[in-house]
Amino acid sequence: MNHSTASQSWISLVVPIVLIAVVFTVRTRRMATVRPLKPELLWIVPALYAVIAGLVFWSTPPTTALVWISCGLALVVGVALGWQRGRMMHISVDPSTGTLRQKASFAAIAVLLVLIAVRTAAREAVQLGGLPIDIKALTDVLIALALGLLTAQRVEMYLRARRLLATVRASA
């Protein structure tokens, strides 16, 4: 391996780590702020992502039964992770206005960091020839995982926010 190849390999490893660190820093700062939560808008992100995922699977569907099964399992895992991530989000009712507020938890951000790290490590291993995985199949699985995660997180948050508002209104 010559010097140029070694430095390119090193750069391709460091750049994602730096980007993840920057994103984590920005997200950590945003975690400290309490933001309004509008449950009626929680459906938008999962719906948009479902359209994107549907278009990807329609235009270039998985080619083998194993990839379809892997996508199904990834969807189930994504739902479980998303539900847990949604439970980790702090939701409260502002007593003066009666509006919902949300604040991300550190654990919710940590789930995203772990997923990003796994994806980055898998991509690097595939590119370096360490994993005999079809990159298209890996992408399909990650799309299914993200769909489950985004949808379940927002469904859990919606249900919890609705229950919280009902409890506050019933006690008022």
N, C-alpha and C. Protein backbone atom coordinates (compact mmCIF):
# COMPACT_ATOMS: atom_id res chain seq x y z
N MET A 1 0.85 -1.17 0.00
CA MET A 1 0.00 0.00 0.00
C MET A 1 0.90 1.23 0.00
N ASN A 2 0.70 2.10 -0.96
CA ASN A 2 1.54 3.30 -1.02
C ASN A 2 0.99 4.36 -0.07
N HIS A 3 1.75 5.45 0.06
CA HIS A 3 1.41 6.51 0.99
C HIS A 3 0.06 7.16 0.65
N SER A 4 -0.22 7.35 -0.63
CA SER A 4 -1.46 7.99 -1.06
C SER A 4 -2.68 7.14 -0.69
N THR A 5 -2.60 5.83 -0.90
CA THR A 5 -3.70 4.93 -0.57
C THR A 5 -3.92 4.88 0.93
N ALA A 6 -2.83 4.85 1.69
CA ALA A 6 -2.94 4.82 3.15
C ALA A 6 -3.59 6.09 3.68
N SER A 7 -3.21 7.25 3.13
CA SER A 7 -3.80 8.50 3.61
C SER A 7 -5.27 8.61 3.20
N GLN A 8 -5.64 8.12 2.02
CA GLN A 8 -7.04 8.13 1.61
C GLN A 8 -7.87 7.22 2.50
N SER A 9 -7.33 6.06 2.84
CA SER A 9 -8.03 5.14 3.72
C SER A 9 -8.22 5.77 5.10
N TRP A 10 -7.20 6.42 5.59
CA TRP A 10 -7.25 7.08 6.89
C TRP A 10 -8.28 8.20 6.87
N ILE A 11 -8.29 8.99 5.81
CA ILE A 11 -9.24 10.11 5.69
C ILE A 11 -10.67 9.58 5.61
N SER A 12 -10.88 8.50 4.84
CA SER A 12 -12.24 7.96 4.72
C SER A 12 -12.74 7.38 6.03
N LEU A 13 -11.87 7.08 6.96
CA LEU A 13 -12.27 6.59 8.28
C LEU A 13 -12.50 7.76 9.23
N VAL A 14 -11.68 8.79 9.16
CA VAL A 14 -11.75 9.90 10.10
C VAL A 14 -12.92 10.85 9.78
N VAL A 15 -13.18 11.10 8.52
CA VAL A 15 -14.23 12.06 8.14
C VAL A 15 -15.59 11.66 8.72
N PRO A 16 -16.04 10.41 8.58
CA PRO A 16 -17.34 10.07 9.20
C PRO A 16 -17.33 10.23 10.72
N ILE A 17 -16.22 9.91 11.35
CA ILE A 17 -16.14 10.05 12.81
C ILE A 17 -16.26 11.53 13.20
N VAL A 18 -15.59 12.40 12.47
CA VAL A 18 -15.68 13.84 12.75
C VAL A 18 -17.10 14.34 12.51
N LEU A 19 -17.71 13.90 11.41
CA LEU A 19 -19.09 14.32 11.13
C LEU A 19 -20.05 13.85 12.22
N ILE A 20 -19.88 12.63 12.66
CA ILE A 20 -20.73 12.11 13.74
C ILE A 20 -20.53 12.93 15.00
N ALA A 21 -19.29 13.27 15.32
CA ALA A 21 -19.00 14.08 16.50
C ALA A 21 -19.65 15.45 16.41
N VAL A 22 -19.60 16.07 15.24
CA VAL A 22 -20.22 17.39 15.05
C VAL A 22 -21.74 17.28 15.21
N VAL A 23 -22.34 16.28 14.56
CA VAL A 23 -23.79 16.09 14.67
C VAL A 23 -24.18 15.82 16.12
N PHE A 24 -23.42 14.99 16.81
CA PHE A 24 -23.71 14.69 18.21
C PHE A 24 -23.63 15.95 19.06
N THR A 25 -22.63 16.79 18.82
CA THR A 25 -22.48 18.03 19.58
C THR A 25 -23.68 18.96 19.36
N VAL A 26 -24.07 19.12 18.10
CA VAL A 26 -25.22 19.97 17.79
C VAL A 26 -26.49 19.41 18.42
N ARG A 27 -26.70 18.10 18.28
CA ARG A 27 -27.90 17.47 18.84
C ARG A 27 -27.91 17.54 20.36
N THR A 28 -26.76 17.40 20.98
CA THR A 28 -26.69 17.48 22.43
C THR A 28 -27.09 18.86 22.91
N ARG A 29 -26.67 19.89 22.21
CA ARG A 29 -27.07 21.25 22.57
C ARG A 29 -28.57 21.44 22.41
N ARG A 30 -29.12 20.89 21.32
CA ARG A 30 -30.56 21.01 21.09
C ARG A 30 -31.36 20.22 22.12
N MET A 31 -30.76 19.15 22.67
CA MET A 31 -31.44 18.34 23.67
C MET A 31 -31.78 19.16 24.90
N ALA A 32 -30.95 20.14 25.21
CA ALA A 32 -31.14 20.94 26.42
C ALA A 32 -32.35 21.86 26.29
N THR A 33 -32.82 22.10 25.09
CA THR A 33 -33.95 23.00 24.90
C THR A 33 -35.26 22.22 24.83
N VAL A 34 -36.26 22.82 25.42
CA VAL A 34 -37.60 22.25 25.36
C VAL A 34 -38.30 22.89 24.18
N ARG A 35 -38.87 22.06 23.31
CA ARG A 35 -39.51 22.56 22.09
C ARG A 35 -40.99 22.18 22.10
N PRO A 36 -41.80 22.93 21.36
CA PRO A 36 -43.22 22.57 21.27
C PRO A 36 -43.38 21.22 20.57
N LEU A 37 -44.40 20.49 20.97
CA LEU A 37 -44.73 19.22 20.33
C LEU A 37 -46.14 19.33 19.78
N LYS A 38 -46.27 19.10 18.51
CA LYS A 38 -47.57 19.12 17.86
C LYS A 38 -47.89 17.70 17.39
N PRO A 39 -48.65 16.96 18.19
CA PRO A 39 -48.93 15.56 17.84
C PRO A 39 -49.57 15.39 16.47
N GLU A 40 -50.35 16.37 16.05
CA GLU A 40 -51.03 16.26 14.76
C GLU A 40 -50.06 16.30 13.59
N LEU A 41 -48.80 16.68 13.83
CA LEU A 41 -47.81 16.73 12.76
C LEU A 41 -46.81 15.57 12.80
N LEU A 42 -46.94 14.70 13.78
CA LEU A 42 -45.98 13.60 13.92
C LEU A 42 -46.04 12.59 12.77
N TRP A 43 -47.11 12.56 12.03
CA TRP A 43 -47.26 11.59 10.94
C TRP A 43 -46.45 11.97 9.71
N ILE A 44 -46.02 13.22 9.60
CA ILE A 44 -45.41 13.71 8.36
C ILE A 44 -44.09 12.99 8.03
N VAL A 45 -43.17 12.93 8.98
CA VAL A 45 -41.87 12.29 8.71
C VAL A 45 -42.02 10.82 8.34
N PRO A 46 -42.78 10.02 9.11
CA PRO A 46 -42.94 8.62 8.70
C PRO A 46 -43.62 8.47 7.34
N ALA A 47 -44.58 9.33 7.04
CA ALA A 47 -45.27 9.24 5.75
C ALA A 47 -44.31 9.55 4.60
N LEU A 48 -43.52 10.60 4.75
CA LEU A 48 -42.55 10.94 3.70
C LEU A 48 -41.52 9.82 3.53
N TYR A 49 -41.04 9.30 4.65
CA TYR A 49 -40.04 8.23 4.56
C TYR A 49 -40.66 6.96 3.98
N ALA A 50 -41.92 6.68 4.30
CA ALA A 50 -42.59 5.50 3.74
C ALA A 50 -42.71 5.63 2.22
N VAL A 51 -42.99 6.83 1.74
CA VAL A 51 -43.05 7.06 0.29
C VAL A 51 -41.68 6.82 -0.34
N ILE A 52 -40.65 7.38 0.29
CA ILE A 52 -39.29 7.19 -0.23
C ILE A 52 -38.90 5.71 -0.21
N ALA A 53 -39.15 5.04 0.91
CA ALA A 53 -38.82 3.61 1.01
C ALA A 53 -39.61 2.81 -0.02
N GLY A 54 -40.89 3.14 -0.17
CA GLY A 54 -41.72 2.44 -1.15
C GLY A 54 -41.19 2.62 -2.56
N LEU A 55 -40.77 3.84 -2.90
CA LEU A 55 -40.22 4.09 -4.23
C LEU A 55 -38.92 3.32 -4.45
N VAL A 56 -38.08 3.28 -3.42
CA VAL A 56 -36.82 2.54 -3.55
C VAL A 56 -37.10 1.05 -3.76
N PHE A 57 -38.00 0.49 -2.94
CA PHE A 57 -38.29 -0.94 -3.08
C PHE A 57 -39.04 -1.25 -4.37
N TRP A 58 -39.83 -0.32 -4.86
CA TRP A 58 -40.55 -0.52 -6.11
C TRP A 58 -39.60 -0.43 -7.32
N SER A 59 -38.70 0.56 -7.29
CA SER A 59 -37.81 0.76 -8.44
C SER A 59 -36.72 -0.31 -8.52
N THR A 60 -36.18 -0.71 -7.39
CA THR A 60 -35.16 -1.76 -7.37
C THR A 60 -35.44 -2.68 -6.19
N PRO A 61 -36.38 -3.61 -6.35
CA PRO A 61 -36.75 -4.49 -5.24
C PRO A 61 -35.61 -5.43 -4.87
N PRO A 62 -35.60 -5.88 -3.62
CA PRO A 62 -34.62 -6.90 -3.22
C PRO A 62 -34.71 -8.10 -4.16
N THR A 63 -33.57 -8.68 -4.46
CA THR A 63 -33.50 -9.72 -5.48
C THR A 63 -33.66 -11.14 -4.96
N THR A 64 -33.49 -11.33 -3.67
CA THR A 64 -33.58 -12.70 -3.14
C THR A 64 -34.53 -12.74 -1.95
N ALA A 65 -34.99 -13.94 -1.64
CA ALA A 65 -35.87 -14.13 -0.49
C ALA A 65 -35.14 -13.80 0.81
N LEU A 66 -33.85 -14.10 0.86
CA LEU A 66 -33.07 -13.80 2.06
C LEU A 66 -33.03 -12.30 2.34
N VAL A 67 -32.90 -11.50 1.30
CA VAL A 67 -32.88 -10.04 1.49
C VAL A 67 -34.26 -9.56 1.93
N TRP A 68 -35.33 -10.11 1.37
CA TRP A 68 -36.69 -9.75 1.79
C TRP A 68 -36.90 -10.10 3.26
N ILE A 69 -36.45 -11.28 3.66
CA ILE A 69 -36.58 -11.70 5.06
C ILE A 69 -35.76 -10.79 5.96
N SER A 70 -34.55 -10.46 5.52
CA SER A 70 -33.70 -9.55 6.29
C SER A 70 -34.35 -8.18 6.44
N CYS A 71 -35.00 -7.71 5.38
CA CYS A 71 -35.71 -6.42 5.45
C CYS A 71 -36.87 -6.50 6.42
N GLY A 72 -37.59 -7.61 6.41
CA GLY A 72 -38.69 -7.79 7.36
C GLY A 72 -38.20 -7.80 8.80
N LEU A 73 -37.11 -8.52 9.03
CA LEU A 73 -36.53 -8.55 10.38
C LEU A 73 -36.02 -7.17 10.79
N ALA A 74 -35.41 -6.46 9.86
CA ALA A 74 -34.91 -5.12 10.14
C ALA A 74 -36.07 -4.18 10.47
N LEU A 75 -37.18 -4.33 9.78
CA LEU A 75 -38.37 -3.52 10.07
C LEU A 75 -38.84 -3.77 11.50
N VAL A 76 -38.89 -5.04 11.90
CA VAL A 76 -39.31 -5.41 13.26
C VAL A 76 -38.34 -4.84 14.29
N VAL A 77 -37.04 -4.97 14.04
CA VAL A 77 -36.04 -4.42 14.95
C VAL A 77 -36.17 -2.89 15.00
N GLY A 78 -36.40 -2.28 13.84
CA GLY A 78 -36.58 -0.82 13.79
C GLY A 78 -37.79 -0.38 14.60
N VAL A 79 -38.88 -1.14 14.52
CA VAL A 79 -40.07 -0.81 15.32
C VAL A 79 -39.74 -0.89 16.81
N ALA A 80 -39.04 -1.93 17.22
CA ALA A 80 -38.67 -2.07 18.64
C ALA A 80 -37.76 -0.92 19.08
N LEU A 81 -36.75 -0.62 18.28
CA LEU A 81 -35.84 0.49 18.63
C LEU A 81 -36.58 1.83 18.61
N GLY A 82 -37.44 2.03 17.64
CA GLY A 82 -38.18 3.28 17.55
C GLY A 82 -39.13 3.47 18.72
N TRP A 83 -39.79 2.39 19.12
CA TRP A 83 -40.70 2.47 20.25
C TRP A 83 -39.92 2.86 21.51
N GLN A 84 -38.76 2.22 21.71
CA GLN A 84 -37.93 2.56 22.87
C GLN A 84 -37.43 4.00 22.78
N ARG A 85 -37.02 4.41 21.60
CA ARG A 85 -36.53 5.78 21.41
C ARG A 85 -37.65 6.77 21.69
N GLY A 86 -38.85 6.47 21.23
CA GLY A 86 -40.00 7.34 21.50
C GLY A 86 -40.29 7.43 22.99
N ARG A 87 -40.16 6.31 23.70
CA ARG A 87 -40.38 6.31 25.15
C ARG A 87 -39.35 7.15 25.88
N MET A 88 -38.17 7.29 25.30
CA MET A 88 -37.10 8.05 25.94
C MET A 88 -37.26 9.56 25.78
N MET A 89 -38.14 9.97 24.88
CA MET A 89 -38.36 11.40 24.68
C MET A 89 -39.19 11.94 25.84
N HIS A 90 -38.76 13.05 26.41
CA HIS A 90 -39.49 13.66 27.51
C HIS A 90 -40.63 14.51 26.93
N ILE A 91 -41.85 14.21 27.35
CA ILE A 91 -43.02 14.96 26.90
C ILE A 91 -43.72 15.50 28.14
N SER A 92 -44.07 16.78 28.10
CA SER A 92 -44.76 17.40 29.23
C SER A 92 -45.78 18.40 28.71
N VAL A 93 -46.64 18.84 29.63
CA VAL A 93 -47.63 19.86 29.30
C VAL A 93 -47.23 21.12 30.04
N ASP A 94 -47.14 22.21 29.30
CA ASP A 94 -46.84 23.51 29.90
C ASP A 94 -48.06 23.92 30.72
N PRO A 95 -47.90 24.09 32.05
CA PRO A 95 -49.06 24.37 32.89
C PRO A 95 -49.73 25.72 32.59
N SER A 96 -48.97 26.68 32.11
CA SER A 96 -49.56 28.00 31.86
C SER A 96 -50.34 28.06 30.56
N THR A 97 -49.92 27.31 29.54
CA THR A 97 -50.59 27.37 28.24
C THR A 97 -51.38 26.10 27.90
N GLY A 98 -51.07 25.00 28.58
CA GLY A 98 -51.72 23.73 28.27
C GLY A 98 -51.22 23.08 26.99
N THR A 99 -50.09 23.56 26.47
CA THR A 99 -49.54 23.00 25.24
C THR A 99 -48.49 21.93 25.57
N LEU A 100 -48.31 21.03 24.63
CA LEU A 100 -47.33 19.96 24.81
C LEU A 100 -45.93 20.47 24.50
N ARG A 101 -44.97 19.95 25.25
CA ARG A 101 -43.56 20.28 25.06
C ARG A 101 -42.78 18.97 24.99
N GLN A 102 -41.68 18.99 24.23
CA GLN A 102 -40.83 17.80 24.15
C GLN A 102 -39.38 18.17 24.37
N LYS A 103 -38.66 17.22 24.88
CA LYS A 103 -37.22 17.39 25.07
C LYS A 103 -36.58 16.03 24.83
N ALA A 104 -35.60 16.01 23.96
CA ALA A 104 -34.93 14.74 23.65
C ALA A 104 -34.10 14.29 24.86
N SER A 105 -33.98 13.00 25.00
CA SER A 105 -33.14 12.47 26.07
C SER A 105 -31.79 12.08 25.49
N PHE A 106 -30.80 12.00 26.34
CA PHE A 106 -29.47 11.58 25.90
C PHE A 106 -29.52 10.16 25.34
N ALA A 107 -30.32 9.30 25.97
CA ALA A 107 -30.42 7.91 25.51
C ALA A 107 -31.00 7.84 24.10
N ALA A 108 -31.96 8.73 23.79
CA ALA A 108 -32.55 8.74 22.44
C ALA A 108 -31.50 9.11 21.41
N ILE A 109 -30.64 10.05 21.74
CA ILE A 109 -29.56 10.43 20.83
C ILE A 109 -28.53 9.30 20.73
N ALA A 110 -28.27 8.63 21.83
CA ALA A 110 -27.30 7.53 21.84
C ALA A 110 -27.74 6.41 20.90
N VAL A 111 -29.05 6.13 20.83
CA VAL A 111 -29.55 5.11 19.92
C VAL A 111 -29.19 5.47 18.48
N LEU A 112 -29.39 6.74 18.12
CA LEU A 112 -29.03 7.18 16.77
C LEU A 112 -27.54 7.06 16.53
N LEU A 113 -26.74 7.44 17.50
CA LEU A 113 -25.28 7.35 17.34
C LEU A 113 -24.82 5.92 17.11
N VAL A 114 -25.40 4.99 17.85
CA VAL A 114 -25.03 3.58 17.68
C VAL A 114 -25.40 3.12 16.27
N LEU A 115 -26.60 3.48 15.80
CA LEU A 115 -27.02 3.09 14.46
C LEU A 115 -26.10 3.68 13.39
N ILE A 116 -25.73 4.95 13.55
CA ILE A 116 -24.83 5.60 12.60
C ILE A 116 -23.47 4.92 12.62
N ALA A 117 -22.98 4.61 13.81
CA ALA A 117 -21.67 3.96 13.93
C ALA A 117 -21.68 2.57 13.28
N VAL A 118 -22.75 1.81 13.49
CA VAL A 118 -22.86 0.48 12.89
C VAL A 118 -22.90 0.59 11.37
N ARG A 119 -23.69 1.53 10.87
CA ARG A 119 -23.79 1.72 9.42
C ARG A 119 -22.44 2.12 8.83
N THR A 120 -21.76 3.05 9.47
CA THR A 120 -20.45 3.51 8.98
C THR A 120 -19.44 2.38 9.01
N ALA A 121 -19.41 1.62 10.09
CA ALA A 121 -18.46 0.51 10.20
C ALA A 121 -18.75 -0.55 9.14
N ALA A 122 -20.03 -0.85 8.91
CA ALA A 122 -20.39 -1.85 7.89
C ALA A 122 -19.99 -1.36 6.50
N ARG A 123 -20.26 -0.09 6.23
CA ARG A 123 -19.90 0.45 4.91
C ARG A 123 -18.39 0.39 4.69
N GLU A 124 -17.63 0.77 5.69
CA GLU A 124 -16.17 0.73 5.57
C GLU A 124 -15.67 -0.69 5.39
N ALA A 125 -16.26 -1.63 6.14
CA ALA A 125 -15.84 -3.02 6.02
C ALA A 125 -16.14 -3.58 4.64
N VAL A 126 -17.30 -3.21 4.10
CA VAL A 126 -17.66 -3.66 2.75
C VAL A 126 -16.69 -3.07 1.73
N GLN A 127 -16.39 -1.77 1.87
CA GLN A 127 -15.50 -1.12 0.91
C GLN A 127 -14.08 -1.66 0.99
N LEU A 128 -13.65 -2.06 2.17
CA LEU A 128 -12.31 -2.60 2.33
C LEU A 128 -12.26 -4.10 2.03
N GLY A 129 -13.41 -4.68 1.70
CA GLY A 129 -13.45 -6.09 1.34
C GLY A 129 -13.51 -7.02 2.54
N GLY A 130 -13.76 -6.48 3.73
CA GLY A 130 -13.81 -7.29 4.94
C GLY A 130 -15.12 -8.02 5.13
N LEU A 131 -16.18 -7.54 4.51
CA LEU A 131 -17.49 -8.18 4.62
C LEU A 131 -18.00 -8.52 3.22
N PRO A 132 -18.31 -9.76 2.99
CA PRO A 132 -18.85 -10.14 1.67
C PRO A 132 -20.36 -9.87 1.60
N ILE A 133 -20.73 -8.59 1.69
CA ILE A 133 -22.14 -8.20 1.69
C ILE A 133 -22.43 -7.36 0.46
N ASP A 134 -23.56 -7.62 -0.13
CA ASP A 134 -24.03 -6.81 -1.24
C ASP A 134 -24.48 -5.46 -0.68
N ILE A 135 -23.88 -4.38 -1.15
CA ILE A 135 -24.17 -3.05 -0.63
C ILE A 135 -25.63 -2.68 -0.87
N LYS A 136 -26.23 -3.14 -1.97
CA LYS A 136 -27.64 -2.87 -2.26
C LYS A 136 -28.51 -3.56 -1.21
N ALA A 137 -28.18 -4.79 -0.88
CA ALA A 137 -28.94 -5.52 0.14
C ALA A 137 -28.81 -4.83 1.50
N LEU A 138 -27.61 -4.37 1.83
CA LEU A 138 -27.39 -3.66 3.09
C LEU A 138 -28.22 -2.38 3.12
N THR A 139 -28.27 -1.67 2.01
CA THR A 139 -29.06 -0.45 1.92
C THR A 139 -30.54 -0.76 2.11
N ASP A 140 -31.04 -1.82 1.48
CA ASP A 140 -32.44 -2.21 1.64
C ASP A 140 -32.78 -2.49 3.10
N VAL A 141 -31.90 -3.21 3.77
CA VAL A 141 -32.11 -3.56 5.17
C VAL A 141 -32.12 -2.30 6.03
N LEU A 142 -31.20 -1.38 5.76
CA LEU A 142 -31.15 -0.14 6.55
C LEU A 142 -32.37 0.75 6.28
N ILE A 143 -32.87 0.74 5.07
CA ILE A 143 -34.09 1.50 4.76
C ILE A 143 -35.26 0.93 5.57
N ALA A 144 -35.39 -0.38 5.62
CA ALA A 144 -36.47 -1.01 6.39
C ALA A 144 -36.32 -0.71 7.88
N LEU A 145 -35.09 -0.78 8.38
CA LEU A 145 -34.83 -0.48 9.79
C LEU A 145 -35.25 0.96 10.11
N ALA A 146 -34.84 1.90 9.27
CA ALA A 146 -35.17 3.31 9.50
C ALA A 146 -36.67 3.55 9.42
N LEU A 147 -37.36 2.89 8.50
CA LEU A 147 -38.81 3.04 8.39
C LEU A 147 -39.49 2.60 9.68
N GLY A 148 -39.10 1.46 10.20
CA GLY A 148 -39.67 0.98 11.46
C GLY A 148 -39.36 1.91 12.61
N LEU A 149 -38.13 2.38 12.67
CA LEU A 149 -37.70 3.26 13.76
C LEU A 149 -38.45 4.58 13.74
N LEU A 150 -38.49 5.24 12.60
CA LEU A 150 -39.14 6.55 12.51
C LEU A 150 -40.64 6.44 12.78
N THR A 151 -41.27 5.42 12.25
CA THR A 151 -42.71 5.27 12.42
C THR A 151 -43.08 4.95 13.86
N ALA A 152 -42.42 3.96 14.43
CA ALA A 152 -42.76 3.55 15.80
C ALA A 152 -42.46 4.65 16.81
N GLN A 153 -41.37 5.38 16.62
CA GLN A 153 -41.05 6.46 17.55
C GLN A 153 -42.18 7.48 17.58
N ARG A 154 -42.64 7.88 16.43
CA ARG A 154 -43.67 8.91 16.38
C ARG A 154 -45.04 8.40 16.80
N VAL A 155 -45.34 7.13 16.54
CA VAL A 155 -46.60 6.56 17.02
C VAL A 155 -46.60 6.54 18.55
N GLU A 156 -45.50 6.10 19.14
CA GLU A 156 -45.41 6.05 20.60
C GLU A 156 -45.54 7.45 21.19
N MET A 157 -44.85 8.42 20.60
CA MET A 157 -44.93 9.79 21.10
C MET A 157 -46.35 10.34 20.96
N TYR A 158 -47.02 10.06 19.86
CA TYR A 158 -48.39 10.52 19.64
C TYR A 158 -49.33 9.94 20.70
N LEU A 159 -49.25 8.64 20.91
CA LEU A 159 -50.13 8.00 21.89
C LEU A 159 -49.89 8.53 23.29
N ARG A 160 -48.63 8.68 23.66
CA ARG A 160 -48.30 9.19 24.99
C ARG A 160 -48.73 10.64 25.16
N ALA A 161 -48.52 11.46 24.13
CA ALA A 161 -48.93 12.87 24.20
C ALA A 161 -50.44 12.98 24.34
N ARG A 162 -51.17 12.15 23.60
CA ARG A 162 -52.63 12.17 23.68
C ARG A 162 -53.11 11.77 25.07
N ARG A 163 -52.49 10.73 25.65
CA ARG A 163 -52.86 10.31 27.01
C ARG A 163 -52.54 11.40 28.03
N LEU A 164 -51.39 12.03 27.87
CA LEU A 164 -50.97 13.09 28.80
C LEU A 164 -51.94 14.27 28.75
N LEU A 165 -52.31 14.68 27.55
CA LEU A 165 -53.28 15.78 27.41
C LEU A 165 -54.63 15.41 28.02
N ALA A 166 -55.08 14.18 27.80
CA ALA A 166 -56.35 13.74 28.36
C ALA A 166 -56.31 13.75 29.88
N THR A 167 -55.20 13.32 30.45
CA THR A 167 -55.05 13.31 31.91
C THR A 167 -55.08 14.73 32.46
N VAL A 168 -54.37 15.64 31.81
CA VAL A 168 -54.31 17.03 32.27
C VAL A 168 -55.70 17.66 32.15
N ARG A 169 -56.39 17.43 31.05
CA ARG A 169 -57.72 18.00 30.86
C ARG A 169 -58.73 17.43 31.84
N ALA A 170 -58.60 16.14 32.15
CA ALA A 170 -59.52 15.51 33.09
C ALA A 170 -59.34 16.05 34.52
N SER A 171 -58.10 16.39 34.85
CA SER A 171 -57.84 16.89 36.21
C SER A 171 -58.13 18.39 36.33
N ALA A 172 -58.34 19.07 35.22
CA ALA A 172 -58.58 20.53 35.27
C ALA A 172 -60.03 20.85 35.53
